[in-house]
């Protein structure tokens, strides 16, 4: 049986999750971390692999190393994310940990594990009152946002590190017929045989 695609979070749900992430014990770090997951459509493994050298806050750029044969590249860092990361790095400077390569550290000053990130994100979702798990909803929400903004299919594919243009279709499966982009993506769906592909890993 084909697995159903996850629903994208609404803007209100996304905002609630981000607020909740900032209220925990490591709120400064967790808020910045969830912003990066959402803004860049990162897989958890890609987030955990980020290092300080991947981030250039002065030019507001992030190098994203995609997994699963996705296309790696530079991503712009939005203002809200830049501010959150600056606050987190200032906190790390106070702790004397800026010499350590990982971008996000655990309490033992090591690299955050995938399980730790899953736990932190799940906790933020619960604190925000979401009735469903957040994975893979954050990545799906990032894709749905890009599609809803009318970006080119190939751009969305490259930005999210997807293997094929057909993979973008999962982000428009529930688009309203009144959506100004519906006709373009319906044409794409037909040209690709009307099939969607499963995402290629967390």
C-alpha atoms as a PDB file:
ATOM      1  CA  UNK A   1       0.000   0.000   0.000  1.00  0.00           C
ATOM      2  CA  UNK A   2       1.326   3.440  -0.883  1.00  0.00           C
ATOM      3  CA  UNK A   3       2.103   5.617   2.134  1.00  0.00           C
ATOM      4  CA  UNK A   4       0.137   8.848   2.321  1.00  0.00           C
ATOM      5  CA  UNK A   5       2.008  12.113   2.098  1.00  0.00           C
ATOM      6  CA  UNK A   6       2.246  14.186   5.293  1.00  0.00           C
ATOM      7  CA  UNK A   7       0.288  17.394   5.624  1.00  0.00           C
ATOM      8  CA  UNK A   8       2.331  20.572   5.638  1.00  0.00           C
ATOM      9  CA  UNK A   9       2.129  22.626   8.803  1.00  0.00           C
ATOM     10  CA  UNK A  10       0.081  25.795   8.620  1.00  0.00           C
ATOM     11  CA  UNK A  11       1.927  29.099   9.154  1.00  0.00           C
ATOM     12  CA  UNK A  12       0.281  29.324  12.581  1.00  0.00           C
ATOM     13  CA  UNK A  13       1.447  25.818  13.530  1.00  0.00           C
ATOM     14  CA  UNK A  14       4.970  26.538  12.341  1.00  0.00           C
ATOM     15  CA  UNK A  15       5.117  29.745  14.380  1.00  0.00           C
ATOM     16  CA  UNK A  16       3.819  27.911  17.460  1.00  0.00           C
ATOM     17  CA  UNK A  17       6.460  25.181  17.116  1.00  0.00           C
ATOM     18  CA  UNK A  18       9.265  27.724  16.734  1.00  0.00           C
ATOM     19  CA  UNK A  19       8.068  29.632  19.801  1.00  0.00           C
ATOM     20  CA  UNK A  20       7.875  26.434  21.813  1.00  0.00           C
ATOM     21  CA  UNK A  21      11.397  25.433  20.766  1.00  0.00           C
ATOM     22  CA  UNK A  22      12.730  28.684  22.201  1.00  0.00           C
ATOM     23  CA  UNK A  23      11.215  28.078  25.629  1.00  0.00           C
ATOM     24  CA  UNK A  24      13.076  24.918  26.599  1.00  0.00           C
ATOM     25  CA  UNK A  25      16.245  24.421  28.612  1.00  0.00           C
ATOM     26  CA  UNK A  26      18.387  24.986  25.534  1.00  0.00           C
ATOM     27  CA  UNK A  27      15.934  27.347  23.891  1.00  0.00           C
ATOM     28  CA  UNK A  28      18.481  29.558  22.142  1.00  0.00           C
ATOM     29  CA  UNK A  29      20.058  26.575  20.412  1.00  0.00           C
ATOM     30  CA  UNK A  30      16.812  24.725  19.717  1.00  0.00           C
ATOM     31  CA  UNK A  31      15.076  27.767  18.235  1.00  0.00           C
ATOM     32  CA  UNK A  32      17.974  28.333  15.831  1.00  0.00           C
ATOM     33  CA  UNK A  33      18.064  24.634  15.001  1.00  0.00           C
ATOM     34  CA  UNK A  34      14.368  24.398  14.105  1.00  0.00           C
ATOM     35  CA  UNK A  35      14.567  27.555  12.031  1.00  0.00           C
ATOM     36  CA  UNK A  36      17.336  25.934   9.998  1.00  0.00           C
ATOM     37  CA  UNK A  37      15.388  22.703   9.585  1.00  0.00           C
ATOM     38  CA  UNK A  38      12.397  24.645   8.300  1.00  0.00           C
ATOM     39  CA  UNK A  39      14.048  27.354   6.208  1.00  0.00           C
ATOM     40  CA  UNK A  40      16.372  24.964   4.375  1.00  0.00           C
ATOM     41  CA  UNK A  41      14.209  21.841   4.289  1.00  0.00           C
ATOM     42  CA  UNK A  42      17.027  19.916   5.931  1.00  0.00           C
ATOM     43  CA  UNK A  43      16.993  16.230   6.639  1.00  0.00           C
ATOM     44  CA  UNK A  44      17.983  15.565  10.261  1.00  0.00           C
ATOM     45  CA  UNK A  45      21.200  13.876   9.136  1.00  0.00           C
ATOM     46  CA  UNK A  46      22.104  16.977   7.123  1.00  0.00           C
ATOM     47  CA  UNK A  47      21.488  19.202  10.139  1.00  0.00           C
ATOM     48  CA  UNK A  48      23.679  17.061  12.387  1.00  0.00           C
ATOM     49  CA  UNK A  49      26.542  17.231   9.879  1.00  0.00           C
ATOM     50  CA  UNK A  50      26.669  21.036   9.781  1.00  0.00           C
ATOM     51  CA  UNK A  51      29.862  22.675  11.067  1.00  0.00           C
ATOM     52  CA  UNK A  52      30.745  26.234  11.982  1.00  0.00           C
ATOM     53  CA  UNK A  53      32.723  26.527   8.757  1.00  0.00           C
ATOM     54  CA  UNK A  54      29.543  25.855   6.766  1.00  0.00           C
ATOM     55  CA  UNK A  55      28.009  29.083   8.087  1.00  0.00           C
ATOM     56  CA  UNK A  56      28.996  32.608   7.042  1.00  0.00           C
ATOM     57  CA  UNK A  57      26.846  34.941   9.087  1.00  0.00           C
ATOM     58  CA  UNK A  58      28.495  38.067   7.702  1.00  0.00           C
ATOM     59  CA  UNK A  59      27.339  37.282   4.177  1.00  0.00           C
ATOM     60  CA  UNK A  60      24.337  35.321   5.484  1.00  0.00           C
ATOM     61  CA  UNK A  61      25.091  32.144   3.591  1.00  0.00           C
ATOM     62  CA  UNK A  62      24.980  28.497   4.570  1.00  0.00           C
ATOM     63  CA  UNK A  63      26.661  25.626   2.783  1.00  0.00           C
ATOM     64  CA  UNK A  64      24.270  22.678   2.728  1.00  0.00           C
ATOM     65  CA  UNK A  65      25.817  19.281   2.044  1.00  0.00           C
ATOM     66  CA  UNK A  66      22.928  17.195   0.743  1.00  0.00           C
ATOM     67  CA  UNK A  67      22.723  13.454   1.269  1.00  0.00           C
ATOM     68  CA  UNK A  68      21.141  10.762  -0.911  1.00  0.00           C
ATOM     69  CA  UNK A  69      22.779  12.122  -4.069  1.00  0.00           C
ATOM     70  CA  UNK A  70      21.055  15.487  -3.700  1.00  0.00           C
ATOM     71  CA  UNK A  71      22.699  18.638  -5.034  1.00  0.00           C
ATOM     72  CA  UNK A  72      24.740  20.505  -2.424  1.00  0.00           C
ATOM     73  CA  UNK A  73      25.072  24.279  -2.531  1.00  0.00           C
ATOM     74  CA  UNK A  74      24.899  27.649  -0.828  1.00  0.00           C
ATOM     75  CA  UNK A  75      21.621  28.743   0.745  1.00  0.00           C
ATOM     76  CA  UNK A  76      20.691  32.292   1.784  1.00  0.00           C
ATOM     77  CA  UNK A  77      20.112  32.717   5.522  1.00  0.00           C
ATOM     78  CA  UNK A  78      16.926  34.698   6.294  1.00  0.00           C
ATOM     79  CA  UNK A  79      17.102  37.571   8.763  1.00  0.00           C
ATOM     80  CA  UNK A  80      15.187  35.778  11.526  1.00  0.00           C
ATOM     81  CA  UNK A  81      17.490  32.778  11.248  1.00  0.00           C
ATOM     82  CA  UNK A  82      20.601  34.978  11.173  1.00  0.00           C
ATOM     83  CA  UNK A  83      19.510  36.672  14.398  1.00  0.00           C
ATOM     84  CA  UNK A  84      18.793  33.339  16.086  1.00  0.00           C
ATOM     85  CA  UNK A  85      22.154  31.916  15.015  1.00  0.00           C
ATOM     86  CA  UNK A  86      23.981  35.049  16.158  1.00  0.00           C
ATOM     87  CA  UNK A  87      22.395  34.672  19.603  1.00  0.00           C
ATOM     88  CA  UNK A  88      23.365  30.999  19.728  1.00  0.00           C
ATOM     89  CA  UNK A  89      26.957  31.653  18.657  1.00  0.00           C
ATOM     90  CA  UNK A  90      27.230  34.454  21.226  1.00  0.00           C
ATOM     91  CA  UNK A  91      26.139  31.933  23.842  1.00  0.00           C
ATOM     92  CA  UNK A  92      28.778  29.493  22.609  1.00  0.00           C
ATOM     93  CA  UNK A  93      31.405  32.232  22.792  1.00  0.00           C
ATOM     94  CA  UNK A  94      30.523  32.766  26.468  1.00  0.00           C
ATOM     95  CA  UNK A  95      30.865  29.014  27.014  1.00  0.00           C
ATOM     96  CA  UNK A  96      34.207  28.896  25.246  1.00  0.00           C
ATOM     97  CA  UNK A  97      33.116  26.327  22.656  1.00  0.00           C
ATOM     98  CA  UNK A  98      33.659  28.175  19.378  1.00  0.00           C
ATOM     99  CA  UNK A  99      36.801  26.132  18.754  1.00  0.00           C
ATOM    100  CA  UNK A 100      34.675  22.985  18.402  1.00  0.00           C
ATOM    101  CA  UNK A 101      33.688  22.265  14.766  1.00  0.00           C
ATOM    102  CA  UNK A 102      30.014  21.129  15.022  1.00  0.00           C
ATOM    103  CA  UNK A 103      27.464  23.885  14.558  1.00  0.00           C
ATOM    104  CA  UNK A 104      25.072  22.422  17.118  1.00  0.00           C
ATOM    105  CA  UNK A 105      26.466  20.881  20.303  1.00  0.00           C
ATOM    106  CA  UNK A 106      24.948  18.645  22.944  1.00  0.00           C
ATOM    107  CA  UNK A 107      25.461  19.121  26.680  1.00  0.00           C
ATOM    108  CA  UNK A 108      28.714  17.152  26.548  1.00  0.00           C
ATOM    109  CA  UNK A 109      30.015  19.470  23.819  1.00  0.00           C
ATOM    110  CA  UNK A 110      29.731  16.780  21.183  1.00  0.00           C
ATOM    111  CA  UNK A 111      27.750  16.575  17.958  1.00  0.00           C
ATOM    112  CA  UNK A 112      23.991  16.286  18.394  1.00  0.00           C
ATOM    113  CA  UNK A 113      22.743  12.842  17.393  1.00  0.00           C
ATOM    114  CA  UNK A 114      19.789  12.255  15.110  1.00  0.00           C
ATOM    115  CA  UNK A 115      17.841  10.759  18.002  1.00  0.00           C
ATOM    116  CA  UNK A 116      18.482  13.856  20.099  1.00  0.00           C
ATOM    117  CA  UNK A 117      17.167  16.098  17.324  1.00  0.00           C
ATOM    118  CA  UNK A 118      14.094  13.897  16.835  1.00  0.00           C
ATOM    119  CA  UNK A 119      13.395  14.157  20.571  1.00  0.00           C
ATOM    120  CA  UNK A 120      13.855  17.935  20.706  1.00  0.00           C
ATOM    121  CA  UNK A 121      11.625  18.545  17.702  1.00  0.00           C
ATOM    122  CA  UNK A 122       8.964  16.143  18.952  1.00  0.00           C
ATOM    123  CA  UNK A 123       8.981  17.914  22.312  1.00  0.00           C
ATOM    124  CA  UNK A 124       8.546  21.299  20.617  1.00  0.00           C
ATOM    125  CA  UNK A 125       5.595  19.943  18.666  1.00  0.00           C
ATOM    126  CA  UNK A 126       3.964  18.612  21.807  1.00  0.00           C
ATOM    127  CA  UNK A 127       4.541  21.903  23.642  1.00  0.00           C
ATOM    128  CA  UNK A 128       2.935  23.727  20.710  1.00  0.00           C
ATOM    129  CA  UNK A 129      -0.142  21.515  21.004  1.00  0.00           C
ATOM    130  CA  UNK A 130       0.237  19.719  17.681  1.00  0.00           C
ATOM    131  CA  UNK A 131      -1.833  16.578  17.419  1.00  0.00           C
ATOM    132  CA  UNK A 132       0.555  14.841  14.978  1.00  0.00           C
ATOM    133  CA  UNK A 133       4.308  14.138  14.830  1.00  0.00           C
ATOM    134  CA  UNK A 134       6.544  16.775  13.262  1.00  0.00           C
ATOM    135  CA  UNK A 135       8.563  14.423  11.074  1.00  0.00           C
ATOM    136  CA  UNK A 136       8.652  14.677   8.144  1.00  0.00           C
ATOM    137  CA  UNK A 137       6.282  17.639   8.348  1.00  0.00           C
ATOM    138  CA  UNK A 138       8.965  20.336   8.736  1.00  0.00           C
ATOM    139  CA  UNK A 139      10.718  19.333   5.512  1.00  0.00           C
ATOM    140  CA  UNK A 140       7.374  18.903   3.764  1.00  0.00           C
ATOM    141  CA  UNK A 141       6.304  22.332   5.016  1.00  0.00           C
ATOM    142  CA  UNK A 142       9.460  23.903   3.586  1.00  0.00           C
ATOM    143  CA  UNK A 143       8.730  22.364   0.189  1.00  0.00           C
ATOM    144  CA  UNK A 144       5.079  23.380   0.264  1.00  0.00           C
ATOM    145  CA  UNK A 145       6.060  26.955   1.118  1.00  0.00           C
ATOM    146  CA  UNK A 146       8.459  27.159  -1.833  1.00  0.00           C
ATOM    147  CA  UNK A 147       5.868  25.715  -4.213  1.00  0.00           C
ATOM    148  CA  UNK A 148       3.164  28.009  -2.854  1.00  0.00           C
ATOM    149  CA  UNK A 149       5.416  31.008  -3.515  1.00  0.00           C
ATOM    150  CA  UNK A 150       5.527  30.005  -7.172  1.00  0.00           C
ATOM    151  CA  UNK A 151       9.192  29.068  -7.447  1.00  0.00           C
ATOM    152  CA  UNK A 152      10.367  27.090 -10.448  1.00  0.00           C
ATOM    153  CA  UNK A 153      10.160  23.329 -10.100  1.00  0.00           C
ATOM    154  CA  UNK A 154      13.868  22.840 -10.781  1.00  0.00           C
ATOM    155  CA  UNK A 155      14.761  25.441  -8.169  1.00  0.00           C
ATOM    156  CA  UNK A 156      12.661  23.638  -5.551  1.00  0.00           C
ATOM    157  CA  UNK A 157      14.256  20.352  -6.551  1.00  0.00           C
ATOM    158  CA  UNK A 158      17.789  21.703  -6.173  1.00  0.00           C
ATOM    159  CA  UNK A 159      17.065  23.695  -3.016  1.00  0.00           C
ATOM    160  CA  UNK A 160      15.694  20.644  -1.191  1.00  0.00           C
ATOM    161  CA  UNK A 161      18.272  18.244  -2.609  1.00  0.00           C
ATOM    162  CA  UNK A 162      15.690  16.061  -4.374  1.00  0.00           C
ATOM    163  CA  UNK A 163      16.794  13.507  -6.933  1.00  0.00           C
ATOM    164  CA  UNK A 164      14.203  14.309  -9.583  1.00  0.00           C
ATOM    165  CA  UNK A 165      11.735  17.007 -10.522  1.00  0.00           C
ATOM    166  CA  UNK A 166       8.950  14.472 -10.007  1.00  0.00           C
ATOM    167  CA  UNK A 167       9.780  14.477  -6.295  1.00  0.00           C
ATOM    168  CA  UNK A 168       8.510  18.069  -6.103  1.00  0.00           C
ATOM    169  CA  UNK A 169       4.977  16.821  -6.788  1.00  0.00           C
ATOM    170  CA  UNK A 170       4.523  15.645  -3.218  1.00  0.00           C
ATOM    171  CA  UNK A 171       4.444  19.277  -2.149  1.00  0.00           C
ATOM    172  CA  UNK A 172       1.483  20.173  -4.380  1.00  0.00           C
ATOM    173  CA  UNK A 173      -0.691  17.108  -3.833  1.00  0.00           C
ATOM    174  CA  UNK A 174      -3.312  19.106  -1.944  1.00  0.00           C
ATOM    175  CA  UNK A 175      -3.076  22.401  -3.806  1.00  0.00           C
ATOM    176  CA  UNK A 176      -6.362  24.221  -4.251  1.00  0.00           C
ATOM    177  CA  UNK A 177      -7.701  24.471  -7.818  1.00  0.00           C
ATOM    178  CA  UNK A 178      -7.836  28.234  -7.198  1.00  0.00           C
ATOM    179  CA  UNK A 179      -4.094  28.379  -6.513  1.00  0.00           C
ATOM    180  CA  UNK A 180      -2.474  30.519  -9.257  1.00  0.00           C
ATOM    181  CA  UNK A 181       0.239  27.862  -9.582  1.00  0.00           C
ATOM    182  CA  UNK A 182      -2.173  24.938  -9.848  1.00  0.00           C
ATOM    183  CA  UNK A 183      -2.289  24.910 -13.653  1.00  0.00           C
ATOM    184  CA  UNK A 184       1.501  24.901 -13.979  1.00  0.00           C
ATOM    185  CA  UNK A 185       1.970  22.071 -11.516  1.00  0.00           C
ATOM    186  CA  UNK A 186      -0.945  20.089 -12.927  1.00  0.00           C
ATOM    187  CA  UNK A 187       0.802  20.253 -16.301  1.00  0.00           C
ATOM    188  CA  UNK A 188       3.993  19.037 -14.668  1.00  0.00           C
ATOM    189  CA  UNK A 189       2.128  16.188 -13.008  1.00  0.00           C
ATOM    190  CA  UNK A 190       0.717  15.052 -16.339  1.00  0.00           C
ATOM    191  CA  UNK A 191       4.085  15.341 -18.090  1.00  0.00           C
ATOM    192  CA  UNK A 192       5.684  13.141 -15.445  1.00  0.00           C
ATOM    193  CA  UNK A 193       3.043  10.457 -15.678  1.00  0.00           C
ATOM    194  CA  UNK A 194       1.024  11.511 -12.639  1.00  0.00           C
ATOM    195  CA  UNK A 195       3.235   9.679 -10.187  1.00  0.00           C
ATOM    196  CA  UNK A 196       4.800  10.917  -7.003  1.00  0.00           C
ATOM    197  CA  UNK A 197       7.994   9.586  -5.465  1.00  0.00           C
ATOM    198  CA  UNK A 198       8.708   8.793  -1.876  1.00  0.00           C
ATOM    199  CA  UNK A 199      11.114  11.159  -0.116  1.00  0.00           C
ATOM    200  CA  UNK A 200      14.650   9.844   0.014  1.00  0.00           C
ATOM    201  CA  UNK A 201      15.440   9.636   3.690  1.00  0.00           C
ATOM    202  CA  UNK A 202      15.478  11.648   6.938  1.00  0.00           C
END
